[in-house]
């Protein structure tokens, strides 16, 4: 995740606020990796995160990316899930 943080920061698109791995709330037998990012440009940031994960040969098929706009004190919103139909996200 340090590399991902560096890439997002250098591109001036935001930062990685954290990540976690484990079973999904809806189905604990399904493993997922959640990535939390504070971003300035949502579409470009998500595209860059996906690119870095693919190039790093991480398991791209189990990620969920949640974002929060930079400079706000809101909550994270699920913006990308590798599995179709996943619309809910919880911390």
C-alpha atoms as a PDB file:
ATOM      1  CA  UNK A   1       0.000   0.000   0.000  1.00  0.00           C
ATOM      2  CA  UNK A   2       2.969   2.320   0.460  1.00  0.00           C
ATOM      3  CA  UNK A   3       3.613   2.263  -3.286  1.00  0.00           C
ATOM      4  CA  UNK A   4      -0.040   3.027  -4.004  1.00  0.00           C
ATOM      5  CA  UNK A   5       0.106   5.943  -1.561  1.00  0.00           C
ATOM      6  CA  UNK A   6       3.228   7.283  -3.294  1.00  0.00           C
ATOM      7  CA  UNK A   7       1.696   7.016  -6.762  1.00  0.00           C
ATOM      8  CA  UNK A   8      -1.547   8.775  -5.767  1.00  0.00           C
ATOM      9  CA  UNK A   9       0.349  11.533  -3.976  1.00  0.00           C
ATOM     10  CA  UNK A  10       2.791  12.114  -6.841  1.00  0.00           C
ATOM     11  CA  UNK A  11      -0.110  12.303  -9.296  1.00  0.00           C
ATOM     12  CA  UNK A  12      -1.748  14.858  -6.956  1.00  0.00           C
ATOM     13  CA  UNK A  13      -4.911  12.770  -6.927  1.00  0.00           C
ATOM     14  CA  UNK A  14      -5.160  12.101  -3.209  1.00  0.00           C
ATOM     15  CA  UNK A  15      -3.960   9.603  -0.650  1.00  0.00           C
ATOM     16  CA  UNK A  16      -4.662   6.148   0.716  1.00  0.00           C
ATOM     17  CA  UNK A  17      -6.283   6.490   4.118  1.00  0.00           C
ATOM     18  CA  UNK A  18      -6.150   2.779   4.869  1.00  0.00           C
ATOM     19  CA  UNK A  19      -7.034  -0.721   3.835  1.00  0.00           C
ATOM     20  CA  UNK A  20      -8.274  -3.946   5.340  1.00  0.00           C
ATOM     21  CA  UNK A  21      -8.717  -7.540   4.258  1.00  0.00           C
ATOM     22  CA  UNK A  22     -11.116 -10.228   5.322  1.00  0.00           C
ATOM     23  CA  UNK A  23     -14.496 -11.801   4.768  1.00  0.00           C
ATOM     24  CA  UNK A  24     -17.350  -9.774   3.320  1.00  0.00           C
ATOM     25  CA  UNK A  25     -20.099  -8.813   5.763  1.00  0.00           C
ATOM     26  CA  UNK A  26     -22.779 -10.270   3.466  1.00  0.00           C
ATOM     27  CA  UNK A  27     -20.844 -13.514   2.888  1.00  0.00           C
ATOM     28  CA  UNK A  28     -17.944 -14.158   5.304  1.00  0.00           C
ATOM     29  CA  UNK A  29     -16.676 -16.970   3.067  1.00  0.00           C
ATOM     30  CA  UNK A  30     -15.887 -14.457   0.324  1.00  0.00           C
ATOM     31  CA  UNK A  31     -12.555 -12.719   0.842  1.00  0.00           C
ATOM     32  CA  UNK A  32     -12.252  -9.019  -0.029  1.00  0.00           C
ATOM     33  CA  UNK A  33      -9.662  -6.233   0.132  1.00  0.00           C
ATOM     34  CA  UNK A  34     -11.066  -2.785   0.961  1.00  0.00           C
ATOM     35  CA  UNK A  35      -9.053   0.291   0.005  1.00  0.00           C
ATOM     36  CA  UNK A  36     -10.014   3.691   1.444  1.00  0.00           C
ATOM     37  CA  UNK A  37      -8.860   6.786  -0.445  1.00  0.00           C
ATOM     38  CA  UNK A  38      -9.289  10.513   0.032  1.00  0.00           C
ATOM     39  CA  UNK A  39      -9.267  11.867  -3.521  1.00  0.00           C
ATOM     40  CA  UNK A  40      -9.294  15.068  -5.537  1.00  0.00           C
ATOM     41  CA  UNK A  41     -10.513  13.485  -8.795  1.00  0.00           C
ATOM     42  CA  UNK A  42     -12.578  10.376  -8.233  1.00  0.00           C
ATOM     43  CA  UNK A  43     -12.530   8.828 -11.722  1.00  0.00           C
ATOM     44  CA  UNK A  44      -8.823   9.347 -12.321  1.00  0.00           C
ATOM     45  CA  UNK A  45      -7.931   8.170  -8.812  1.00  0.00           C
ATOM     46  CA  UNK A  46      -9.898   4.936  -9.097  1.00  0.00           C
ATOM     47  CA  UNK A  47      -8.405   4.240 -12.527  1.00  0.00           C
ATOM     48  CA  UNK A  48      -4.900   4.777 -11.116  1.00  0.00           C
ATOM     49  CA  UNK A  49      -5.532   2.522  -8.098  1.00  0.00           C
ATOM     50  CA  UNK A  50      -6.780  -0.272 -10.379  1.00  0.00           C
ATOM     51  CA  UNK A  51      -3.781   0.146 -12.674  1.00  0.00           C
ATOM     52  CA  UNK A  52      -1.278  -0.014  -9.795  1.00  0.00           C
ATOM     53  CA  UNK A  53      -2.942  -3.121  -8.360  1.00  0.00           C
ATOM     54  CA  UNK A  54      -2.895  -4.892 -11.737  1.00  0.00           C
ATOM     55  CA  UNK A  55       0.741  -3.973 -12.353  1.00  0.00           C
ATOM     56  CA  UNK A  56       1.700  -5.087  -8.841  1.00  0.00           C
ATOM     57  CA  UNK A  57       0.070  -8.467  -9.464  1.00  0.00           C
ATOM     58  CA  UNK A  58      -2.172  -8.185  -6.438  1.00  0.00           C
ATOM     59  CA  UNK A  59      -5.484 -10.024  -6.479  1.00  0.00           C
ATOM     60  CA  UNK A  60      -7.407  -7.454  -8.459  1.00  0.00           C
ATOM     61  CA  UNK A  61     -10.518  -9.666  -8.511  1.00  0.00           C
ATOM     62  CA  UNK A  62     -11.366  -9.091  -4.851  1.00  0.00           C
ATOM     63  CA  UNK A  63     -11.010  -5.356  -4.332  1.00  0.00           C
ATOM     64  CA  UNK A  64     -13.451  -2.698  -3.257  1.00  0.00           C
ATOM     65  CA  UNK A  65     -12.489   0.962  -3.433  1.00  0.00           C
ATOM     66  CA  UNK A  66     -14.252   3.497  -1.246  1.00  0.00           C
ATOM     67  CA  UNK A  67     -13.553   7.204  -1.605  1.00  0.00           C
ATOM     68  CA  UNK A  68     -14.162  10.452   0.200  1.00  0.00           C
ATOM     69  CA  UNK A  69     -13.665  13.854  -1.446  1.00  0.00           C
ATOM     70  CA  UNK A  70     -10.448  15.602  -0.404  1.00  0.00           C
ATOM     71  CA  UNK A  71     -10.962  18.400   2.121  1.00  0.00           C
ATOM     72  CA  UNK A  72     -14.251  17.103   3.514  1.00  0.00           C
ATOM     73  CA  UNK A  73     -15.142  15.364   6.747  1.00  0.00           C
ATOM     74  CA  UNK A  74     -17.752  13.075   5.238  1.00  0.00           C
ATOM     75  CA  UNK A  75     -17.913   9.318   5.116  1.00  0.00           C
ATOM     76  CA  UNK A  76     -16.526   6.842   2.624  1.00  0.00           C
ATOM     77  CA  UNK A  77     -18.686   5.755  -0.287  1.00  0.00           C
ATOM     78  CA  UNK A  78     -18.172   2.570  -2.278  1.00  0.00           C
ATOM     79  CA  UNK A  79     -17.150   3.630  -5.776  1.00  0.00           C
ATOM     80  CA  UNK A  80     -15.752   0.408  -7.247  1.00  0.00           C
ATOM     81  CA  UNK A  81     -16.276  -3.271  -6.551  1.00  0.00           C
ATOM     82  CA  UNK A  82     -14.621  -5.988  -8.599  1.00  0.00           C
ATOM     83  CA  UNK A  83     -17.665  -8.231  -8.134  1.00  0.00           C
ATOM     84  CA  UNK A  84     -20.742  -7.144 -10.100  1.00  0.00           C
ATOM     85  CA  UNK A  85     -23.820  -6.413  -8.055  1.00  0.00           C
ATOM     86  CA  UNK A  86     -21.943  -5.334  -4.911  1.00  0.00           C
ATOM     87  CA  UNK A  87     -23.474  -2.034  -3.859  1.00  0.00           C
ATOM     88  CA  UNK A  88     -23.110  -2.049  -0.101  1.00  0.00           C
ATOM     89  CA  UNK A  89     -20.009  -1.267   1.843  1.00  0.00           C
ATOM     90  CA  UNK A  90     -19.326  -1.172   5.562  1.00  0.00           C
ATOM     91  CA  UNK A  91     -16.332  -0.390   7.729  1.00  0.00           C
END
